[in-house]
Amino acid sequence: MNIDSELDARGLNCPLPILRAKKALTKMNSGQLLKVIATDPGSIRDFQAFSRQTGNELVEQQTQGEEFIHVLRRR
């Protein structure tokens, strides 16, 4: 997977990972991929809801130890 931008949201709690991802996505072109690394367990459902509400595709979600990886495709 070719990631275009990466956002480190480790240590941030809701709603900060979503707000920072939203800001990062506005600087990206349609179709580009944003990888978000978070440590907030609530980020899994937060990014699912964010994707549904904004139309940005949630391409992938992974849990690696205590980190949660979210990959979004800019609409």
PDB file of N, CA and C in Angstrom:
ATOM      1  N   MET A   1       0.851  -1.181   0.000  1.00  0.00           N
ATOM      2  CA  MET A   1       0.000   0.000   0.000  1.00  0.00           C
ATOM      3  C   MET A   1       0.892   1.238   0.000  1.00  0.00           C
ATOM      4  N   ASN A   2       0.577   2.157  -0.870  1.00  0.00           N
ATOM      5  CA  ASN A   2       1.381   3.374  -1.025  1.00  0.00           C
ATOM      6  C   ASN A   2       0.766   4.504  -0.200  1.00  0.00           C
ATOM      7  N   ILE A   3       1.309   4.747   0.986  1.00  0.00           N
ATOM      8  CA  ILE A   3       0.804   5.779   1.893  1.00  0.00           C
ATOM      9  C   ILE A   3       1.349   7.140   1.457  1.00  0.00           C
ATOM     10  N   ASP A   4       0.455   8.114   1.313  1.00  0.00           N
ATOM     11  CA  ASP A   4       0.870   9.449   0.884  1.00  0.00           C
ATOM     12  C   ASP A   4       1.225  10.367   2.046  1.00  0.00           C
ATOM     13  N   SER A   5       0.595  10.143   3.197  1.00  0.00           N
ATOM     14  CA  SER A   5       0.853  10.979   4.364  1.00  0.00           C
ATOM     15  C   SER A   5       0.613  10.156   5.624  1.00  0.00           C
ATOM     16  N   GLU A   6       1.387  10.464   6.675  1.00  0.00           N
ATOM     17  CA  GLU A   6       1.240   9.733   7.932  1.00  0.00           C
ATOM     18  C   GLU A   6       1.039  10.717   9.074  1.00  0.00           C
ATOM     19  N   LEU A   7       0.117  10.375   9.966  1.00  0.00           N
ATOM     20  CA  LEU A   7      -0.208  11.227  11.104  1.00  0.00           C
ATOM     21  C   LEU A   7       0.032  10.443  12.389  1.00  0.00           C
ATOM     22  N   ASP A   8       0.861  10.974  13.262  1.00  0.00           N
ATOM     23  CA  ASP A   8       1.131  10.349  14.554  1.00  0.00           C
ATOM     24  C   ASP A   8       0.192  10.962  15.590  1.00  0.00           C
ATOM     25  N   ALA A   9      -0.810  10.179  16.003  1.00  0.00           N
ATOM     26  CA  ALA A   9      -1.786  10.652  16.989  1.00  0.00           C
ATOM     27  C   ALA A   9      -1.634   9.879  18.303  1.00  0.00           C
ATOM     28  N   ARG A  10      -0.453   9.312  18.530  1.00  0.00           N
ATOM     29  CA  ARG A  10      -0.200   8.558  19.764  1.00  0.00           C
ATOM     30  C   ARG A  10      -0.308   9.486  20.965  1.00  0.00           C
ATOM     31  N   GLY A  11      -0.959   8.990  22.005  1.00  0.00           N
ATOM     32  CA  GLY A  11      -1.100   9.770  23.233  1.00  0.00           C
ATOM     33  C   GLY A  11      -2.257  10.759  23.217  1.00  0.00           C
ATOM     34  N   LEU A  12      -2.919  10.891  22.082  1.00  0.00           N
ATOM     35  CA  LEU A  12      -4.053  11.815  21.978  1.00  0.00           C
ATOM     36  C   LEU A  12      -5.359  11.056  22.187  1.00  0.00           C
ATOM     37  N   ASN A  13      -6.276  11.655  22.916  1.00  0.00           N
ATOM     38  CA  ASN A  13      -7.582  11.042  23.140  1.00  0.00           C
ATOM     39  C   ASN A  13      -8.636  11.745  22.300  1.00  0.00           C
ATOM     40  N   CYS A  14      -9.749  11.057  22.124  1.00  0.00           N
ATOM     41  CA  CYS A  14     -10.887  11.576  21.382  1.00  0.00           C
ATOM     42  C   CYS A  14     -11.242  12.978  21.874  1.00  0.00           C
ATOM     43  N   PRO A  15     -11.478  13.907  21.001  1.00  0.00           N
ATOM     44  CA  PRO A  15     -11.630  13.789  19.543  1.00  0.00           C
ATOM     45  C   PRO A  15     -10.376  14.196  18.763  1.00  0.00           C
ATOM     46  N   LEU A  16      -9.257  14.382  19.441  1.00  0.00           N
ATOM     47  CA  LEU A  16      -8.067  14.916  18.765  1.00  0.00           C
ATOM     48  C   LEU A  16      -7.572  14.078  17.577  1.00  0.00           C
ATOM     49  N   PRO A  17      -7.504  12.735  17.645  1.00  0.00           N
ATOM     50  CA  PRO A  17      -7.055  11.995  16.440  1.00  0.00           C
ATOM     51  C   PRO A  17      -7.939  12.273  15.220  1.00  0.00           C
ATOM     52  N   ILE A  18      -9.257  12.353  15.437  1.00  0.00           N
ATOM     53  CA  ILE A  18     -10.182  12.633  14.333  1.00  0.00           C
ATOM     54  C   ILE A  18      -9.976  14.048  13.801  1.00  0.00           C
ATOM     55  N   LEU A  19      -9.868  15.018  14.701  1.00  0.00           N
ATOM     56  CA  LEU A  19      -9.693  16.407  14.273  1.00  0.00           C
ATOM     57  C   LEU A  19      -8.400  16.594  13.486  1.00  0.00           C
ATOM     58  N   ARG A  20      -7.333  15.965  13.942  1.00  0.00           N
ATOM     59  CA  ARG A  20      -6.056  16.080  13.223  1.00  0.00           C
ATOM     60  C   ARG A  20      -6.108  15.363  11.880  1.00  0.00           C
ATOM     61  N   ALA A  21      -6.784  14.233  11.827  1.00  0.00           N
ATOM     62  CA  ALA A  21      -6.937  13.512  10.558  1.00  0.00           C
ATOM     63  C   ALA A  21      -7.754  14.345   9.577  1.00  0.00           C
ATOM     64  N   LYS A  22      -8.816  14.957  10.065  1.00  0.00           N
ATOM     65  CA  LYS A  22      -9.658  15.798   9.208  1.00  0.00           C
ATOM     66  C   LYS A  22      -8.842  16.933   8.609  1.00  0.00           C
ATOM     67  N   LYS A  23      -8.021  17.567   9.436  1.00  0.00           N
ATOM     68  CA  LYS A  23      -7.161  18.661   8.964  1.00  0.00           C
ATOM     69  C   LYS A  23      -6.142  18.164   7.935  1.00  0.00           C
ATOM     70  N   ALA A  24      -5.542  17.010   8.204  1.00  0.00           N
ATOM     71  CA  ALA A  24      -4.552  16.446   7.272  1.00  0.00           C
ATOM     72  C   ALA A  24      -5.197  16.095   5.934  1.00  0.00           C
ATOM     73  N   LEU A  25      -6.408  15.549   5.975  1.00  0.00           N
ATOM     74  CA  LEU A  25      -7.099  15.162   4.736  1.00  0.00           C
ATOM     75  C   LEU A  25      -7.415  16.367   3.860  1.00  0.00           C
ATOM     76  N   THR A  26      -7.678  17.523   4.472  1.00  0.00           N
ATOM     77  CA  THR A  26      -7.998  18.704   3.664  1.00  0.00           C
ATOM     78  C   THR A  26      -6.806  19.164   2.824  1.00  0.00           C
ATOM     79  N   LYS A  27      -5.601  18.782   3.230  1.00  0.00           N
ATOM     80  CA  LYS A  27      -4.383  19.170   2.503  1.00  0.00           C
ATOM     81  C   LYS A  27      -3.998  18.144   1.439  1.00  0.00           C
ATOM     82  N   MET A  28      -4.788  17.071   1.331  1.00  0.00           N
ATOM     83  CA  MET A  28      -4.446  15.990   0.411  1.00  0.00           C
ATOM     84  C   MET A  28      -5.352  16.018  -0.819  1.00  0.00           C
ATOM     85  N   ASN A  29      -4.896  15.360  -1.873  1.00  0.00           N
ATOM     86  CA  ASN A  29      -5.676  15.252  -3.104  1.00  0.00           C
ATOM     87  C   ASN A  29      -6.602  14.047  -3.035  1.00  0.00           C
ATOM     88  N   SER A  30      -7.659  14.081  -3.814  1.00  0.00           N
ATOM     89  CA  SER A  30      -8.604  12.976  -3.885  1.00  0.00           C
ATOM     90  C   SER A  30      -7.872  11.681  -4.259  1.00  0.00           C
ATOM     91  N   GLY A  31      -8.172  10.611  -3.527  1.00  0.00           N
ATOM     92  CA  GLY A  31      -7.568   9.308  -3.806  1.00  0.00           C
ATOM     93  C   GLY A  31      -6.300   9.017  -3.016  1.00  0.00           C
ATOM     94  N   GLN A  32      -5.718  10.038  -2.401  1.00  0.00           N
ATOM     95  CA  GLN A  32      -4.495   9.814  -1.635  1.00  0.00           C
ATOM     96  C   GLN A  32      -4.818   9.131  -0.305  1.00  0.00           C
ATOM     97  N   LEU A  33      -3.812   8.425   0.236  1.00  0.00           N
ATOM     98  CA  LEU A  33      -3.985   7.660   1.464  1.00  0.00           C
ATOM     99  C   LEU A  33      -3.319   8.337   2.655  1.00  0.00           C
ATOM    100  N   LEU A  34      -4.044   8.365   3.768  1.00  0.00           N
ATOM    101  CA  LEU A  34      -3.545   8.901   5.033  1.00  0.00           C
ATOM    102  C   LEU A  34      -3.501   7.757   6.037  1.00  0.00           C
ATOM    103  N   LYS A  35      -2.341   7.564   6.648  1.00  0.00           N
ATOM    104  CA  LYS A  35      -2.179   6.563   7.702  1.00  0.00           C
ATOM    105  C   LYS A  35      -2.156   7.292   9.038  1.00  0.00           C
ATOM    106  N   VAL A  36      -3.015   6.870   9.960  1.00  0.00           N
ATOM    107  CA  VAL A  36      -3.086   7.471  11.288  1.00  0.00           C
ATOM    108  C   VAL A  36      -2.689   6.406  12.310  1.00  0.00           C
ATOM    109  N   ILE A  37      -1.739   6.744  13.175  1.00  0.00           N
ATOM    110  CA  ILE A  37      -1.324   5.849  14.255  1.00  0.00           C
ATOM    111  C   ILE A  37      -1.834   6.453  15.559  1.00  0.00           C
ATOM    112  N   ALA A  38      -2.695   5.710  16.256  1.00  0.00           N
ATOM    113  CA  ALA A  38      -3.306   6.207  17.486  1.00  0.00           C
ATOM    114  C   ALA A  38      -3.127   5.185  18.611  1.00  0.00           C
ATOM    115  N   THR A  39      -3.252   5.656  19.837  1.00  0.00           N
ATOM    116  CA  THR A  39      -3.201   4.759  21.000  1.00  0.00           C
ATOM    117  C   THR A  39      -4.533   4.732  21.745  1.00  0.00           C
ATOM    118  N   ASP A  40      -5.488   5.535  21.333  1.00  0.00           N
ATOM    119  CA  ASP A  40      -6.804   5.573  21.964  1.00  0.00           C
ATOM    120  C   ASP A  40      -7.651   4.415  21.422  1.00  0.00           C
ATOM    121  N   PRO A  41      -8.046   3.449  22.292  1.00  0.00           N
ATOM    122  CA  PRO A  41      -8.855   2.318  21.816  1.00  0.00           C
ATOM    123  C   PRO A  41     -10.171   2.757  21.172  1.00  0.00           C
ATOM    124  N   GLY A  42     -10.708   3.899  21.591  1.00  0.00           N
ATOM    125  CA  GLY A  42     -11.945   4.407  21.004  1.00  0.00           C
ATOM    126  C   GLY A  42     -11.784   4.868  19.576  1.00  0.00           C
ATOM    127  N   SER A  43     -10.539   5.011  19.127  1.00  0.00           N
ATOM    128  CA  SER A  43     -10.304   5.491  17.761  1.00  0.00           C
ATOM    129  C   SER A  43     -10.823   4.512  16.716  1.00  0.00           C
ATOM    130  N   ILE A  44     -10.939   3.231  17.063  1.00  0.00           N
ATOM    131  CA  ILE A  44     -11.443   2.253  16.093  1.00  0.00           C
ATOM    132  C   ILE A  44     -12.861   2.633  15.669  1.00  0.00           C
ATOM    133  N   ARG A  45     -13.752   2.788  16.611  1.00  0.00           N
ATOM    134  CA  ARG A  45     -15.137   3.139  16.244  1.00  0.00           C
ATOM    135  C   ARG A  45     -15.236   4.598  15.787  1.00  0.00           C
ATOM    136  N   ASP A  46     -14.366   5.467  16.332  1.00  0.00           N
ATOM    137  CA  ASP A  46     -14.392   6.874  15.917  1.00  0.00           C
ATOM    138  C   ASP A  46     -14.081   7.015  14.433  1.00  0.00           C
ATOM    139  N   PHE A  47     -13.066   6.296  13.946  1.00  0.00           N
ATOM    140  CA  PHE A  47     -12.703   6.404  12.529  1.00  0.00           C
ATOM    141  C   PHE A  47     -13.732   5.723  11.631  1.00  0.00           C
ATOM    142  N   GLN A  48     -14.405   4.689  12.138  1.00  0.00           N
ATOM    143  CA  GLN A  48     -15.485   4.074  11.357  1.00  0.00           C
ATOM    144  C   GLN A  48     -16.623   5.073  11.168  1.00  0.00           C
ATOM    145  N   ALA A  49     -16.989   5.764  12.238  1.00  0.00           N
ATOM    146  CA  ALA A  49     -18.062   6.770  12.155  1.00  0.00           C
ATOM    147  C   ALA A  49     -17.633   7.958  11.296  1.00  0.00           C
ATOM    148  N   PHE A  50     -16.385   8.394  11.446  1.00  0.00           N
ATOM    149  CA  PHE A  50     -15.850   9.506  10.665  1.00  0.00           C
ATOM    150  C   PHE A  50     -15.928   9.192   9.174  1.00  0.00           C
ATOM    151  N   SER A  51     -15.565   7.970   8.816  1.00  0.00           N
ATOM    152  CA  SER A  51     -15.599   7.551   7.416  1.00  0.00           C
ATOM    153  C   SER A  51     -17.028   7.592   6.868  1.00  0.00           C
ATOM    154  N   ARG A  52     -17.965   7.061   7.622  1.00  0.00           N
ATOM    155  CA  ARG A  52     -19.373   7.078   7.179  1.00  0.00           C
ATOM    156  C   ARG A  52     -19.888   8.499   7.020  1.00  0.00           C
ATOM    157  N   GLN A  53     -19.532   9.387   7.940  1.00  0.00           N
ATOM    158  CA  GLN A  53     -20.071  10.747   7.927  1.00  0.00           C
ATOM    159  C   GLN A  53     -19.440  11.638   6.868  1.00  0.00           C
ATOM    160  N   THR A  54     -18.180  11.393   6.533  1.00  0.00           N
ATOM    161  CA  THR A  54     -17.474  12.295   5.618  1.00  0.00           C
ATOM    162  C   THR A  54     -17.339  11.765   4.196  1.00  0.00           C
ATOM    163  N   GLY A  55     -17.527  10.463   4.004  1.00  0.00           N
ATOM    164  CA  GLY A  55     -17.359   9.890   2.675  1.00  0.00           C
ATOM    165  C   GLY A  55     -15.928   9.533   2.344  1.00  0.00           C
ATOM    166  N   ASN A  56     -15.005   9.755   3.280  1.00  0.00           N
ATOM    167  CA  ASN A  56     -13.627   9.297   3.091  1.00  0.00           C
ATOM    168  C   ASN A  56     -13.599   7.801   3.399  1.00  0.00           C
ATOM    169  N   GLU A  57     -12.999   7.016   2.500  1.00  0.00           N
ATOM    170  CA  GLU A  57     -13.016   5.563   2.642  1.00  0.00           C
ATOM    171  C   GLU A  57     -12.045   5.097   3.726  1.00  0.00           C
ATOM    172  N   LEU A  58     -12.525   4.250   4.629  1.00  0.00           N
ATOM    173  CA  LEU A  58     -11.668   3.614   5.621  1.00  0.00           C
ATOM    174  C   LEU A  58     -11.143   2.341   4.976  1.00  0.00           C
ATOM    175  N   VAL A  59      -9.907   2.396   4.490  1.00  0.00           N
ATOM    176  CA  VAL A  59      -9.328   1.307   3.713  1.00  0.00           C
ATOM    177  C   VAL A  59      -8.922   0.145   4.610  1.00  0.00           C
ATOM    178  N   GLU A  60      -8.384   0.465   5.778  1.00  0.00           N
ATOM    179  CA  GLU A  60      -7.846  -0.579   6.638  1.00  0.00           C
ATOM    180  C   GLU A  60      -7.785  -0.113   8.080  1.00  0.00           C
ATOM    181  N   GLN A  61      -7.978  -1.061   9.001  1.00  0.00           N
ATOM    182  CA  GLN A  61      -7.761  -0.817  10.431  1.00  0.00           C
ATOM    183  C   GLN A  61      -7.009  -2.019  10.983  1.00  0.00           C
ATOM    184  N   GLN A  62      -5.981  -1.753  11.774  1.00  0.00           N
ATOM    185  CA  GLN A  62      -5.181  -2.809  12.386  1.00  0.00           C
ATOM    186  C   GLN A  62      -4.892  -2.458  13.831  1.00  0.00           C
ATOM    187  N   THR A  63      -4.693  -3.490  14.637  1.00  0.00           N
ATOM    188  CA  THR A  63      -4.208  -3.302  15.997  1.00  0.00           C
ATOM    189  C   THR A  63      -2.836  -3.946  16.066  1.00  0.00           C
ATOM    190  N   GLN A  64      -1.834  -3.154  16.450  1.00  0.00           N
ATOM    191  CA  GLN A  64      -0.472  -3.661  16.599  1.00  0.00           C
ATOM    192  C   GLN A  64      -0.021  -3.343  18.017  1.00  0.00           C
ATOM    193  N   GLY A  65      -0.141  -4.340  18.895  1.00  0.00           N
ATOM    194  CA  GLY A  65       0.183  -4.100  20.297  1.00  0.00           C
ATOM    195  C   GLY A  65      -0.813  -3.121  20.885  1.00  0.00           C
ATOM    196  N   GLU A  66      -0.313  -1.986  21.368  1.00  0.00           N
ATOM    197  CA  GLU A  66      -1.189  -0.966  21.946  1.00  0.00           C
ATOM    198  C   GLU A  66      -1.462   0.179  20.977  1.00  0.00           C
ATOM    199  N   GLU A  67      -1.110  -0.022  19.707  1.00  0.00           N
ATOM    200  CA  GLU A  67      -1.335   1.011  18.693  1.00  0.00           C
ATOM    201  C   GLU A  67      -2.428   0.572  17.724  1.00  0.00           C
ATOM    202  N   PHE A  68      -3.171   1.548  17.274  1.00  0.00           N
ATOM    203  CA  PHE A  68      -4.258   1.313  16.335  1.00  0.00           C
ATOM    204  C   PHE A  68      -3.944   2.068  15.047  1.00  0.00           C
ATOM    205  N   ILE A  69      -3.893   1.337  13.952  1.00  0.00           N
ATOM    206  CA  ILE A  69      -3.527   1.898  12.650  1.00  0.00           C
ATOM    207  C   ILE A  69      -4.794   2.039  11.812  1.00  0.00           C
ATOM    208  N   HIS A  70      -5.001   3.229  11.287  1.00  0.00           N
ATOM    209  CA  HIS A  70      -6.160   3.515  10.442  1.00  0.00           C
ATOM    210  C   HIS A  70      -5.641   4.081   9.121  1.00  0.00           C
ATOM    211  N   VAL A  71      -6.141   3.550   8.008  1.00  0.00           N
ATOM    212  CA  VAL A  71      -5.760   4.068   6.695  1.00  0.00           C
ATOM    213  C   VAL A  71      -7.026   4.585   6.013  1.00  0.00           C
ATOM    214  N   LEU A  72      -6.993   5.861   5.664  1.00  0.00           N
ATOM    215  CA  LEU A  72      -8.133   6.511   5.021  1.00  0.00           C
ATOM    216  C   LEU A  72      -7.761   6.963   3.616  1.00  0.00           C
ATOM    217  N   ARG A  73      -8.718   6.816   2.695  1.00  0.00           N
ATOM    218  CA  ARG A  73      -8.533   7.332   1.330  1.00  0.00           C
ATOM    219  C   ARG A  73      -9.352   8.606   1.194  1.00  0.00           C
ATOM    220  N   ARG A  74      -8.681   9.684   0.804  1.00  0.00           N
ATOM    221  CA  ARG A  74      -9.334  10.991   0.644  1.00  0.00           C
ATOM    222  C   ARG A  74     -10.381  10.885  -0.464  1.00  0.00           C
ATOM    223  N   ARG A  75     -11.578  11.369  -0.176  1.00  0.00           N
ATOM    224  CA  ARG A  75     -12.656  11.318  -1.187  1.00  0.00           C
ATOM    225  C   ARG A  75     -12.441  12.331  -2.279  1.00  0.00           C
TER     226      ARG A  75
END
